[in-house]
């Protein structure tokens, strides 16, 4: 299945609820850090992008999707080549009784001319790649780091995603995501792996606000 796909064109997107992680429960419960992690993982290279949200709602999914399209477009990957695969959560498909495509689907397919496909109901294994990342980030980041503020949380999350994309070798392929990008996409700029985590709820507009975000702490 993986060999049939093109690198940085097929992303699995899912939302991880952080409320059940003991190490950060108090921070999440008190609202100091967001409850939801929005994650997009490229099936071929393992390149992963993160953002956070206080609410798991469709507008935040739209903001996250658009940020990914715009980021990849800066490196010559046209949005029409990209597929987003998600589950059937309301944050992606809207109301389950609605017959028309959701606003998220319309953003993907009408605005950016990409493709949005959903997995069969109850078949979470179809999102196995991003689910595997959720297990890894819990073990290697949330369970072991300490956070004293939102800015420190975002800064450390940024450091972790840079480590994941640039330095951490895939256990199966024995290569880092960026090395696979160089081999399969011939993109030599490490900036492709530098997707700074941000708060989706705070975006007054979809994309320009993302460019203005800054994080004062980088490990």
N, C-alpha and C. Protein backbone atom coordinates (compact mmCIF):
# COMPACT_ATOMS: atom_id res chain seq x y z
N UNK A 1 0.84 -1.20 0.00
CA UNK A 1 0.00 0.00 0.00
C UNK A 1 0.87 1.25 0.00
N UNK A 2 1.89 1.26 0.84
CA UNK A 2 2.74 2.45 0.95
C UNK A 2 3.51 2.70 -0.35
N UNK A 3 3.94 1.62 -1.03
CA UNK A 3 4.74 1.78 -2.25
C UNK A 3 3.94 2.41 -3.39
N UNK A 4 2.62 2.36 -3.30
CA UNK A 4 1.78 2.94 -4.35
C UNK A 4 1.59 4.45 -4.17
N UNK A 5 1.99 4.98 -3.02
CA UNK A 5 1.74 6.38 -2.71
C UNK A 5 2.97 7.24 -2.98
N UNK A 6 2.75 8.54 -3.18
CA UNK A 6 3.83 9.48 -3.38
C UNK A 6 4.11 10.22 -2.07
N UNK A 7 5.36 10.49 -1.83
CA UNK A 7 5.76 11.16 -0.60
C UNK A 7 5.15 12.55 -0.49
N UNK A 8 4.71 12.90 0.72
CA UNK A 8 4.12 14.20 1.06
C UNK A 8 2.85 14.50 0.27
N UNK A 9 2.17 13.45 -0.17
CA UNK A 9 0.89 13.64 -0.88
C UNK A 9 -0.27 12.97 -0.17
N UNK A 10 0.00 12.00 0.68
CA UNK A 10 -1.07 11.26 1.35
C UNK A 10 -0.90 11.38 2.86
N UNK A 11 -1.79 12.17 3.48
CA UNK A 11 -1.71 12.44 4.91
C UNK A 11 -2.90 11.84 5.64
N UNK A 12 -2.60 11.17 6.74
CA UNK A 12 -3.64 10.75 7.67
C UNK A 12 -3.76 11.83 8.74
N UNK A 13 -4.99 12.30 8.99
CA UNK A 13 -5.23 13.36 9.97
C UNK A 13 -6.16 12.83 11.06
N UNK A 14 -5.79 13.09 12.30
CA UNK A 14 -6.61 12.64 13.42
C UNK A 14 -6.43 13.62 14.58
N UNK A 15 -7.31 13.53 15.56
CA UNK A 15 -7.26 14.40 16.73
C UNK A 15 -7.04 13.53 17.97
N UNK A 16 -6.04 13.91 18.78
CA UNK A 16 -5.73 13.18 20.01
C UNK A 16 -6.22 13.99 21.20
N UNK A 17 -7.01 13.36 22.06
CA UNK A 17 -7.49 13.99 23.29
C UNK A 17 -6.43 13.81 24.37
N UNK A 18 -5.96 14.91 24.93
CA UNK A 18 -4.87 14.87 25.90
C UNK A 18 -5.34 14.78 27.35
N UNK A 19 -6.65 14.77 27.58
CA UNK A 19 -7.18 14.85 28.93
C UNK A 19 -6.85 13.62 29.77
N UNK A 20 -6.56 12.48 29.12
CA UNK A 20 -6.34 11.25 29.87
C UNK A 20 -4.87 10.93 30.10
N UNK A 21 -3.99 11.92 29.89
CA UNK A 21 -2.56 11.70 30.11
C UNK A 21 -2.20 12.23 31.50
N UNK A 22 -1.87 11.37 32.44
CA UNK A 22 -1.68 11.80 33.84
C UNK A 22 -0.68 12.93 34.02
N UNK A 23 0.42 12.91 33.28
CA UNK A 23 1.47 13.89 33.48
C UNK A 23 1.04 15.32 33.17
N UNK A 24 0.05 15.49 32.28
CA UNK A 24 -0.38 16.83 31.91
C UNK A 24 -1.86 17.07 32.21
N UNK A 25 -2.48 16.14 32.95
CA UNK A 25 -3.92 16.25 33.21
C UNK A 25 -4.28 17.58 33.87
N UNK A 26 -3.54 17.97 34.89
CA UNK A 26 -3.87 19.20 35.63
C UNK A 26 -3.79 20.43 34.73
N UNK A 27 -2.80 20.45 33.85
CA UNK A 27 -2.63 21.59 32.95
C UNK A 27 -3.76 21.66 31.92
N UNK A 28 -4.17 20.49 31.44
CA UNK A 28 -5.27 20.44 30.46
C UNK A 28 -6.58 20.80 31.14
N UNK A 29 -6.82 20.21 32.30
CA UNK A 29 -8.08 20.43 33.03
C UNK A 29 -8.25 21.90 33.40
N UNK A 30 -7.17 22.56 33.75
CA UNK A 30 -7.24 23.96 34.16
C UNK A 30 -7.24 24.91 32.97
N UNK A 31 -7.06 24.38 31.77
CA UNK A 31 -7.09 25.22 30.57
C UNK A 31 -5.78 25.91 30.26
N UNK A 32 -4.72 25.56 30.96
CA UNK A 32 -3.42 26.18 30.70
C UNK A 32 -2.88 25.75 29.35
N UNK A 33 -3.04 24.47 29.02
CA UNK A 33 -2.66 24.00 27.69
C UNK A 33 -3.90 23.40 27.02
N UNK A 34 -3.94 23.38 25.70
CA UNK A 34 -5.14 22.90 24.98
C UNK A 34 -5.38 21.41 25.21
N UNK A 35 -6.62 21.02 25.05
CA UNK A 35 -6.99 19.63 25.27
C UNK A 35 -6.75 18.75 24.05
N UNK A 36 -6.75 19.33 22.85
CA UNK A 36 -6.75 18.51 21.64
C UNK A 36 -5.51 18.77 20.79
N UNK A 37 -4.90 17.69 20.34
CA UNK A 37 -3.78 17.74 19.41
C UNK A 37 -4.27 17.34 18.02
N UNK A 38 -4.17 18.24 17.08
CA UNK A 38 -4.47 17.93 15.68
C UNK A 38 -3.18 17.46 15.01
N UNK A 39 -3.22 16.29 14.40
CA UNK A 39 -2.02 15.67 13.85
C UNK A 39 -2.24 15.26 12.40
N UNK A 40 -1.25 15.57 11.57
CA UNK A 40 -1.24 15.10 10.17
C UNK A 40 0.07 14.39 9.93
N UNK A 41 0.00 13.15 9.45
CA UNK A 41 1.22 12.38 9.22
C UNK A 41 1.24 11.84 7.79
N UNK A 42 2.35 12.09 7.11
CA UNK A 42 2.54 11.57 5.76
C UNK A 42 2.82 10.07 5.84
N UNK A 43 2.05 9.29 5.11
CA UNK A 43 2.16 7.83 5.21
C UNK A 43 3.49 7.33 4.70
N UNK A 44 4.08 7.98 3.70
CA UNK A 44 5.29 7.47 3.05
C UNK A 44 6.55 7.81 3.85
N UNK A 45 6.71 9.06 4.24
CA UNK A 45 7.96 9.48 4.89
C UNK A 45 7.86 9.54 6.41
N UNK A 46 6.65 9.59 6.94
CA UNK A 46 6.48 9.75 8.38
C UNK A 46 6.55 11.19 8.85
N UNK A 47 6.73 12.13 7.94
CA UNK A 47 6.75 13.55 8.28
C UNK A 47 5.44 13.92 8.96
N UNK A 48 5.53 14.62 10.08
CA UNK A 48 4.34 14.89 10.89
C UNK A 48 4.24 16.37 11.22
N UNK A 49 3.00 16.89 11.16
CA UNK A 49 2.70 18.27 11.51
C UNK A 49 1.69 18.29 12.64
N UNK A 50 1.85 19.26 13.57
CA UNK A 50 0.99 19.36 14.74
C UNK A 50 0.39 20.75 14.88
N UNK A 51 -0.79 20.80 15.47
CA UNK A 51 -1.37 22.05 15.97
C UNK A 51 -2.25 21.67 17.16
N UNK A 52 -2.64 22.65 17.95
CA UNK A 52 -3.42 22.37 19.15
C UNK A 52 -4.70 23.20 19.16
N UNK A 53 -5.71 22.69 19.88
CA UNK A 53 -7.00 23.37 19.95
C UNK A 53 -7.65 23.12 21.30
N UNK A 54 -8.38 24.12 21.77
CA UNK A 54 -9.18 23.96 22.98
C UNK A 54 -10.51 23.31 22.66
N UNK A 55 -10.96 23.42 21.40
CA UNK A 55 -12.21 22.81 20.99
C UNK A 55 -11.99 21.92 19.77
N UNK A 56 -12.61 20.77 19.79
CA UNK A 56 -12.53 19.82 18.67
C UNK A 56 -13.72 20.08 17.74
N UNK A 57 -13.59 21.08 16.88
CA UNK A 57 -14.69 21.52 16.03
C UNK A 57 -14.20 21.68 14.60
N UNK A 58 -15.18 21.80 13.70
CA UNK A 58 -14.86 21.79 12.27
C UNK A 58 -14.01 22.98 11.83
N UNK A 59 -14.27 24.16 12.38
CA UNK A 59 -13.50 25.32 11.95
C UNK A 59 -12.02 25.15 12.26
N UNK A 60 -11.70 24.46 13.36
CA UNK A 60 -10.30 24.21 13.68
C UNK A 60 -9.69 23.20 12.72
N UNK A 61 -10.49 22.23 12.27
CA UNK A 61 -10.00 21.29 11.26
C UNK A 61 -9.71 22.02 9.95
N UNK A 62 -10.57 22.97 9.60
CA UNK A 62 -10.37 23.76 8.38
C UNK A 62 -9.07 24.56 8.49
N UNK A 63 -8.87 25.21 9.62
CA UNK A 63 -7.66 25.99 9.81
C UNK A 63 -6.40 25.12 9.72
N UNK A 64 -6.47 23.94 10.31
CA UNK A 64 -5.32 23.04 10.30
C UNK A 64 -5.03 22.58 8.87
N UNK A 65 -6.07 22.17 8.16
CA UNK A 65 -5.89 21.71 6.79
C UNK A 65 -5.32 22.79 5.89
N UNK A 66 -5.83 24.01 6.03
CA UNK A 66 -5.33 25.09 5.19
C UNK A 66 -3.87 25.41 5.51
N UNK A 67 -3.51 25.38 6.79
CA UNK A 67 -2.12 25.63 7.16
C UNK A 67 -1.18 24.62 6.52
N UNK A 68 -1.60 23.36 6.45
CA UNK A 68 -0.77 22.32 5.82
C UNK A 68 -0.65 22.57 4.32
N UNK A 69 -1.76 22.87 3.65
CA UNK A 69 -1.71 23.16 2.22
C UNK A 69 -0.76 24.32 1.93
N UNK A 70 -0.86 25.39 2.70
CA UNK A 70 -0.04 26.56 2.46
C UNK A 70 1.44 26.27 2.74
N UNK A 71 1.70 25.51 3.79
CA UNK A 71 3.08 25.16 4.12
C UNK A 71 3.72 24.35 3.00
N UNK A 72 3.05 23.31 2.54
CA UNK A 72 3.61 22.46 1.50
C UNK A 72 3.71 23.21 0.17
N UNK A 73 2.78 24.13 -0.09
CA UNK A 73 2.84 24.89 -1.32
C UNK A 73 4.09 25.74 -1.44
N UNK A 74 4.63 26.16 -0.30
CA UNK A 74 5.87 26.95 -0.32
C UNK A 74 7.04 26.14 -0.84
N UNK A 75 6.92 24.82 -0.86
CA UNK A 75 8.01 23.95 -1.31
C UNK A 75 7.67 23.24 -2.62
N UNK A 76 6.71 23.80 -3.34
CA UNK A 76 6.40 23.30 -4.68
C UNK A 76 5.46 22.12 -4.74
N UNK A 77 4.81 21.77 -3.62
CA UNK A 77 3.85 20.66 -3.63
C UNK A 77 2.46 21.25 -3.77
N UNK A 78 1.83 21.06 -4.92
CA UNK A 78 0.54 21.69 -5.17
C UNK A 78 -0.56 20.96 -4.42
N UNK A 79 -1.50 21.72 -3.91
CA UNK A 79 -2.57 21.15 -3.09
C UNK A 79 -3.42 20.14 -3.85
N UNK A 80 -3.49 20.25 -5.16
CA UNK A 80 -4.30 19.31 -5.95
C UNK A 80 -3.73 17.89 -5.91
N UNK A 81 -2.48 17.74 -5.50
CA UNK A 81 -1.85 16.42 -5.42
C UNK A 81 -2.07 15.75 -4.06
N UNK A 82 -2.63 16.49 -3.10
CA UNK A 82 -2.64 16.03 -1.71
C UNK A 82 -3.99 15.42 -1.34
N UNK A 83 -3.93 14.32 -0.61
CA UNK A 83 -5.12 13.65 -0.07
C UNK A 83 -5.07 13.69 1.45
N UNK A 84 -6.17 14.09 2.06
CA UNK A 84 -6.33 14.01 3.50
C UNK A 84 -7.27 12.85 3.82
N UNK A 85 -6.82 11.91 4.63
CA UNK A 85 -7.66 10.80 5.07
C UNK A 85 -7.99 10.99 6.54
N UNK A 86 -9.28 10.98 6.86
CA UNK A 86 -9.73 11.20 8.24
C UNK A 86 -10.75 10.16 8.64
N UNK A 87 -11.12 10.17 9.93
CA UNK A 87 -12.25 9.36 10.37
C UNK A 87 -13.53 10.14 10.11
N UNK A 88 -14.63 9.65 10.67
CA UNK A 88 -15.93 10.26 10.41
C UNK A 88 -16.40 11.15 11.55
N UNK A 89 -15.46 11.74 12.28
CA UNK A 89 -15.81 12.64 13.35
C UNK A 89 -16.46 13.91 12.82
N UNK A 90 -17.29 14.53 13.65
CA UNK A 90 -18.01 15.73 13.22
C UNK A 90 -17.06 16.87 12.89
N UNK A 91 -15.85 16.85 13.44
CA UNK A 91 -14.90 17.91 13.14
C UNK A 91 -14.39 17.84 11.70
N UNK A 92 -14.67 16.70 11.03
CA UNK A 92 -14.27 16.55 9.64
C UNK A 92 -15.45 16.44 8.67
N UNK A 93 -16.52 15.80 9.09
CA UNK A 93 -17.64 15.59 8.15
C UNK A 93 -18.86 16.42 8.50
N UNK A 94 -18.79 17.20 9.60
CA UNK A 94 -19.93 18.00 9.99
C UNK A 94 -21.03 17.15 10.60
N UNK A 95 -22.26 17.60 10.46
CA UNK A 95 -23.40 16.85 10.99
C UNK A 95 -23.57 15.55 10.21
N UNK A 96 -23.77 14.44 10.93
CA UNK A 96 -23.89 13.14 10.27
C UNK A 96 -25.16 13.02 9.44
N UNK A 97 -26.13 13.88 9.68
CA UNK A 97 -27.39 13.83 8.94
C UNK A 97 -27.38 14.77 7.73
N UNK A 98 -26.31 15.53 7.58
CA UNK A 98 -26.22 16.48 6.47
C UNK A 98 -25.86 15.75 5.18
N UNK A 99 -26.57 16.03 4.11
CA UNK A 99 -26.34 15.34 2.84
C UNK A 99 -25.23 16.00 2.02
N UNK A 100 -25.03 17.30 2.20
CA UNK A 100 -24.01 17.99 1.43
C UNK A 100 -22.63 17.76 2.05
N UNK A 101 -21.57 17.96 1.27
CA UNK A 101 -20.21 17.85 1.81
C UNK A 101 -19.99 18.85 2.94
N UNK A 102 -19.17 18.46 3.90
CA UNK A 102 -18.89 19.34 5.04
C UNK A 102 -18.05 20.53 4.58
N UNK A 103 -17.97 21.54 5.45
CA UNK A 103 -17.15 22.71 5.15
C UNK A 103 -15.68 22.32 5.03
N UNK A 104 -15.26 21.33 5.84
CA UNK A 104 -13.88 20.85 5.74
C UNK A 104 -13.63 20.23 4.37
N UNK A 105 -14.55 19.38 3.92
CA UNK A 105 -14.40 18.75 2.61
C UNK A 105 -14.40 19.78 1.49
N UNK A 106 -15.25 20.79 1.60
CA UNK A 106 -15.31 21.82 0.57
C UNK A 106 -14.01 22.63 0.55
N UNK A 107 -13.45 22.89 1.73
CA UNK A 107 -12.17 23.59 1.77
C UNK A 107 -11.11 22.79 1.04
N UNK A 108 -11.06 21.48 1.33
CA UNK A 108 -10.05 20.63 0.71
C UNK A 108 -10.25 20.52 -0.79
N UNK A 109 -11.49 20.24 -1.21
CA UNK A 109 -11.73 19.86 -2.61
C UNK A 109 -12.10 21.03 -3.52
N UNK A 110 -12.83 22.02 -3.01
CA UNK A 110 -13.24 23.13 -3.87
C UNK A 110 -12.26 24.30 -3.81
N UNK A 111 -11.75 24.60 -2.62
CA UNK A 111 -10.82 25.72 -2.50
C UNK A 111 -9.41 25.33 -2.93
N UNK A 112 -8.97 24.15 -2.49
CA UNK A 112 -7.59 23.74 -2.78
C UNK A 112 -7.49 22.62 -3.81
N UNK A 113 -8.61 22.07 -4.25
CA UNK A 113 -8.64 21.05 -5.30
C UNK A 113 -7.87 19.78 -4.92
N UNK A 114 -7.81 19.53 -3.60
CA UNK A 114 -7.23 18.28 -3.13
C UNK A 114 -8.32 17.22 -2.98
N UNK A 115 -8.04 16.21 -2.19
CA UNK A 115 -9.01 15.13 -2.00
C UNK A 115 -9.16 14.83 -0.51
N UNK A 116 -10.41 14.69 -0.07
CA UNK A 116 -10.70 14.28 1.31
C UNK A 116 -11.41 12.95 1.27
N UNK A 117 -10.83 11.95 1.89
CA UNK A 117 -11.49 10.64 1.95
C UNK A 117 -11.60 10.21 3.40
N UNK A 118 -12.73 9.58 3.73
CA UNK A 118 -12.97 9.11 5.09
C UNK A 118 -12.81 7.59 5.15
N UNK A 119 -12.46 7.10 6.32
CA UNK A 119 -12.29 5.66 6.51
C UNK A 119 -13.64 5.02 6.80
N UNK A 120 -13.76 3.70 6.63
CA UNK A 120 -15.01 3.04 7.02
C UNK A 120 -15.30 3.24 8.50
N UNK A 121 -16.54 3.38 8.84
CA UNK A 121 -16.94 3.62 10.23
C UNK A 121 -16.45 2.48 11.13
N UNK A 122 -15.82 2.85 12.22
CA UNK A 122 -15.36 1.86 13.19
C UNK A 122 -14.06 1.18 12.82
N UNK A 123 -13.38 1.63 11.76
CA UNK A 123 -12.15 0.99 11.31
C UNK A 123 -10.95 1.90 11.56
N UNK A 124 -10.63 2.12 12.83
CA UNK A 124 -9.54 3.03 13.18
C UNK A 124 -8.19 2.54 12.66
N UNK A 125 -8.10 1.24 12.35
CA UNK A 125 -6.82 0.73 11.84
C UNK A 125 -6.46 1.36 10.49
N UNK A 126 -7.45 1.94 9.80
CA UNK A 126 -7.17 2.63 8.54
C UNK A 126 -6.36 3.90 8.78
N UNK A 127 -6.30 4.35 10.02
CA UNK A 127 -5.48 5.50 10.39
C UNK A 127 -4.30 5.04 11.24
N UNK A 128 -3.81 3.86 10.94
CA UNK A 128 -2.77 3.25 11.76
C UNK A 128 -1.49 4.05 11.84
N UNK A 129 -1.13 4.76 10.79
CA UNK A 129 0.12 5.52 10.79
C UNK A 129 0.06 6.68 11.78
N UNK A 130 -1.01 7.47 11.74
CA UNK A 130 -1.11 8.60 12.66
C UNK A 130 -1.40 8.13 14.08
N UNK A 131 -2.13 7.02 14.22
CA UNK A 131 -2.37 6.47 15.55
C UNK A 131 -1.06 6.00 16.19
N UNK A 132 -0.17 5.46 15.38
CA UNK A 132 1.14 5.05 15.89
C UNK A 132 1.92 6.25 16.40
N UNK A 133 1.84 7.37 15.68
CA UNK A 133 2.51 8.58 16.15
C UNK A 133 1.92 9.04 17.49
N UNK A 134 0.61 8.94 17.64
CA UNK A 134 -0.01 9.35 18.90
C UNK A 134 0.53 8.54 20.08
N UNK A 135 0.79 7.27 19.86
CA UNK A 135 1.39 6.46 20.92
C UNK A 135 2.82 6.92 21.22
N UNK A 136 3.57 7.21 20.15
CA UNK A 136 4.96 7.61 20.32
C UNK A 136 5.09 8.95 21.04
N UNK A 137 4.29 9.93 20.64
CA UNK A 137 4.43 11.25 21.25
C UNK A 137 4.01 11.23 22.71
N UNK A 138 3.09 10.35 23.05
CA UNK A 138 2.70 10.23 24.46
C UNK A 138 3.86 9.66 25.28
N UNK A 139 4.50 8.61 24.75
CA UNK A 139 5.59 7.97 25.48
C UNK A 139 6.85 8.83 25.52
N UNK A 140 7.14 9.51 24.41
CA UNK A 140 8.43 10.19 24.27
C UNK A 140 8.37 11.69 24.57
N UNK A 141 7.16 12.23 24.77
CA UNK A 141 7.05 13.66 24.99
C UNK A 141 6.15 13.99 26.18
N UNK A 142 4.85 13.71 26.06
CA UNK A 142 3.92 14.13 27.11
C UNK A 142 4.19 13.47 28.46
N UNK A 143 4.64 12.21 28.44
CA UNK A 143 4.86 11.49 29.69
C UNK A 143 6.14 11.89 30.41
N UNK A 144 7.06 12.56 29.73
CA UNK A 144 8.37 12.79 30.35
C UNK A 144 8.75 14.26 30.49
N UNK A 145 8.10 15.15 29.75
CA UNK A 145 8.44 16.57 29.83
C UNK A 145 7.65 17.26 30.95
N UNK A 146 8.17 18.39 31.39
CA UNK A 146 7.44 19.24 32.34
C UNK A 146 7.16 20.58 31.66
N UNK A 147 6.02 21.17 32.00
CA UNK A 147 5.59 22.42 31.38
C UNK A 147 5.11 23.38 32.47
N UNK A 148 5.52 24.63 32.34
CA UNK A 148 5.12 25.65 33.31
C UNK A 148 4.24 26.73 32.72
N UNK A 149 4.09 26.73 31.41
CA UNK A 149 3.29 27.75 30.75
C UNK A 149 2.91 27.27 29.36
N UNK A 150 1.97 27.95 28.75
CA UNK A 150 1.57 27.61 27.39
C UNK A 150 2.71 27.83 26.40
N UNK A 151 3.43 28.93 26.54
CA UNK A 151 4.53 29.20 25.61
C UNK A 151 5.62 28.14 25.72
N UNK A 152 5.89 27.68 26.94
CA UNK A 152 6.89 26.62 27.10
C UNK A 152 6.38 25.32 26.49
N UNK A 153 5.10 25.03 26.65
CA UNK A 153 4.50 23.83 26.06
C UNK A 153 4.63 23.86 24.54
N UNK A 154 4.28 24.99 23.92
CA UNK A 154 4.36 25.09 22.47
C UNK A 154 5.81 25.03 21.99
N UNK A 155 6.70 25.65 22.73
CA UNK A 155 8.11 25.62 22.35
C UNK A 155 8.68 24.22 22.39
N UNK A 156 8.37 23.48 23.44
CA UNK A 156 8.87 22.11 23.53
C UNK A 156 8.21 21.20 22.50
N UNK A 157 6.93 21.45 22.20
CA UNK A 157 6.27 20.68 21.14
C UNK A 157 6.94 20.93 19.80
N UNK A 158 7.32 22.18 19.57
CA UNK A 158 8.02 22.53 18.33
C UNK A 158 9.37 21.81 18.27
N UNK A 159 10.09 21.81 19.37
CA UNK A 159 11.37 21.10 19.42
C UNK A 159 11.19 19.61 19.14
N UNK A 160 10.13 19.04 19.73
CA UNK A 160 9.91 17.61 19.53
C UNK A 160 9.60 17.30 18.07
N UNK A 161 8.79 18.14 17.41
CA UNK A 161 8.42 17.83 16.03
C UNK A 161 9.60 18.02 15.10
N UNK A 162 10.50 18.97 15.43
CA UNK A 162 11.73 19.10 14.65
C UNK A 162 12.61 17.87 14.83
N UNK A 163 12.72 17.40 16.07
CA UNK A 163 13.47 16.17 16.33
C UNK A 163 12.86 14.99 15.57
N UNK A 164 11.53 14.89 15.58
CA UNK A 164 10.86 13.77 14.91
C UNK A 164 11.13 13.80 13.41
N UNK A 165 10.98 14.96 12.81
CA UNK A 165 11.08 15.06 11.35
C UNK A 165 12.51 15.07 10.83
N UNK A 166 13.45 15.59 11.62
CA UNK A 166 14.81 15.79 11.12
C UNK A 166 15.83 14.80 11.67
N UNK A 167 15.59 14.28 12.86
CA UNK A 167 16.66 13.53 13.53
C UNK A 167 16.29 12.11 13.92
N UNK A 168 15.02 11.84 14.13
CA UNK A 168 14.61 10.52 14.64
C UNK A 168 14.40 9.54 13.48
N UNK A 169 15.12 8.45 13.48
CA UNK A 169 14.99 7.47 12.42
C UNK A 169 13.76 6.61 12.61
N UNK A 170 13.07 6.33 11.51
CA UNK A 170 11.95 5.40 11.53
C UNK A 170 12.47 4.02 11.92
N UNK A 171 11.79 3.37 12.86
CA UNK A 171 12.29 2.08 13.38
C UNK A 171 12.31 1.01 12.30
N UNK A 172 11.41 1.11 11.32
CA UNK A 172 11.33 0.11 10.26
C UNK A 172 12.25 0.44 9.09
N UNK A 173 12.24 1.70 8.65
CA UNK A 173 12.99 2.09 7.46
C UNK A 173 14.42 2.51 7.76
N UNK A 174 14.73 2.78 9.05
CA UNK A 174 16.07 3.18 9.46
C UNK A 174 16.51 4.49 8.82
N UNK A 175 15.56 5.35 8.52
CA UNK A 175 15.85 6.65 7.93
C UNK A 175 14.96 7.70 8.58
N UNK A 176 15.45 8.93 8.64
CA UNK A 176 14.63 10.02 9.17
C UNK A 176 13.61 10.45 8.12
N UNK A 177 12.51 11.05 8.54
CA UNK A 177 11.56 11.57 7.55
C UNK A 177 12.20 12.53 6.55
N UNK A 178 13.09 13.41 7.02
CA UNK A 178 13.70 14.36 6.09
C UNK A 178 14.60 13.67 5.08
N UNK A 179 15.29 12.64 5.49
CA UNK A 179 16.11 11.90 4.51
C UNK A 179 15.22 11.27 3.44
N UNK A 180 14.07 10.75 3.85
CA UNK A 180 13.14 10.17 2.87
C UNK A 180 12.57 11.26 1.95
N UNK A 181 12.34 12.45 2.51
CA UNK A 181 11.88 13.56 1.66
C UNK A 181 12.93 13.89 0.60
N UNK A 182 14.20 13.95 1.01
CA UNK A 182 15.26 14.26 0.06
C UNK A 182 15.36 13.19 -1.03
N UNK A 183 15.20 11.92 -0.64
CA UNK A 183 15.32 10.84 -1.60
C UNK A 183 14.13 10.76 -2.55
N UNK A 184 12.93 10.97 -2.03
CA UNK A 184 11.73 10.74 -2.82
C UNK A 184 11.17 12.01 -3.48
N UNK A 185 11.41 13.17 -2.86
CA UNK A 185 10.87 14.42 -3.40
C UNK A 185 11.95 15.36 -3.94
N UNK A 186 13.21 15.05 -3.62
CA UNK A 186 14.34 15.87 -4.03
C UNK A 186 14.21 17.30 -3.49
N UNK A 187 13.61 17.43 -2.31
CA UNK A 187 13.54 18.71 -1.61
C UNK A 187 14.66 18.71 -0.58
N UNK A 188 15.60 19.63 -0.71
CA UNK A 188 16.78 19.65 0.14
C UNK A 188 16.67 20.66 1.27
N UNK A 189 15.64 21.48 1.26
CA UNK A 189 15.45 22.51 2.28
C UNK A 189 14.83 21.90 3.53
N UNK A 190 15.53 21.89 4.67
CA UNK A 190 14.95 21.32 5.90
C UNK A 190 13.74 22.09 6.41
N UNK A 191 13.49 23.27 5.84
CA UNK A 191 12.31 24.03 6.23
C UNK A 191 11.01 23.29 5.98
N UNK A 192 11.03 22.32 5.08
CA UNK A 192 9.83 21.52 4.80
C UNK A 192 9.37 20.79 6.06
N UNK A 193 10.30 20.49 6.96
CA UNK A 193 9.98 19.75 8.19
C UNK A 193 9.67 20.68 9.36
N UNK A 194 9.78 21.99 9.12
CA UNK A 194 9.64 22.96 10.20
C UNK A 194 8.22 23.55 10.18
N UNK A 195 7.30 22.83 10.78
CA UNK A 195 5.91 23.28 10.91
C UNK A 195 5.68 23.62 12.37
N UNK A 196 5.64 24.90 12.68
CA UNK A 196 5.58 25.34 14.07
C UNK A 196 4.19 25.11 14.66
N UNK A 197 4.07 24.34 15.74
CA UNK A 197 2.76 24.14 16.38
C UNK A 197 2.16 25.46 16.85
N UNK A 198 0.85 25.59 16.71
CA UNK A 198 0.16 26.83 17.09
C UNK A 198 -1.23 26.49 17.60
N UNK A 199 -1.93 27.51 18.12
CA UNK A 199 -3.26 27.32 18.69
C UNK A 199 -4.30 27.64 17.62
N UNK A 200 -5.04 26.65 17.22
CA UNK A 200 -6.01 26.83 16.14
C UNK A 200 -7.12 27.79 16.52
N UNK A 201 -7.58 27.73 17.76
CA UNK A 201 -8.71 28.56 18.19
C UNK A 201 -8.40 30.06 18.10
N UNK A 202 -7.11 30.42 18.15
CA UNK A 202 -6.73 31.82 18.21
C UNK A 202 -6.59 32.46 16.83
N UNK A 203 -6.77 31.70 15.79
CA UNK A 203 -6.61 32.24 14.45
C UNK A 203 -7.86 33.02 14.05
N UNK A 204 -7.71 34.33 13.95
CA UNK A 204 -8.84 35.16 13.55
C UNK A 204 -9.17 34.97 12.08
N UNK A 205 -8.15 34.72 11.29
CA UNK A 205 -8.32 34.34 9.89
C UNK A 205 -7.62 33.01 9.71
N UNK A 206 -7.82 32.36 8.58
CA UNK A 206 -7.34 31.00 8.44
C UNK A 206 -5.82 30.89 8.32
N UNK A 207 -5.21 31.65 7.41
CA UNK A 207 -3.79 31.44 7.20
C UNK A 207 -2.89 32.57 7.66
N UNK A 208 -3.18 33.84 7.36
CA UNK A 208 -2.22 34.90 7.69
C UNK A 208 -1.81 34.94 9.17
N UNK A 209 -2.74 34.67 10.08
CA UNK A 209 -2.40 34.70 11.50
C UNK A 209 -1.35 33.66 11.85
N UNK A 210 -1.37 32.52 11.15
CA UNK A 210 -0.40 31.47 11.44
C UNK A 210 1.02 31.98 11.19
N UNK A 211 1.20 32.75 10.13
CA UNK A 211 2.52 33.25 9.81
C UNK A 211 3.04 34.21 10.88
N UNK A 212 2.14 34.82 11.63
CA UNK A 212 2.52 35.81 12.62
C UNK A 212 2.80 35.19 13.99
N UNK A 213 2.51 33.92 14.15
CA UNK A 213 2.73 33.29 15.45
C UNK A 213 4.21 33.18 15.77
N UNK A 214 4.57 33.32 17.01
CA UNK A 214 5.96 33.12 17.44
C UNK A 214 5.97 32.45 18.78
N UNK A 215 6.99 31.67 19.03
CA UNK A 215 7.14 30.97 20.29
C UNK A 215 8.47 31.37 20.92
N UNK A 216 8.47 31.96 22.10
CA UNK A 216 9.70 32.47 22.69
C UNK A 216 10.63 31.39 23.20
N UNK A 217 10.14 30.19 23.42
CA UNK A 217 10.98 29.15 24.01
C UNK A 217 11.23 28.03 23.00
N UNK A 218 12.49 27.73 22.75
CA UNK A 218 12.86 26.59 21.93
C UNK A 218 13.95 25.82 22.67
N UNK A 219 13.69 24.56 22.93
CA UNK A 219 14.65 23.77 23.71
C UNK A 219 15.97 23.63 22.94
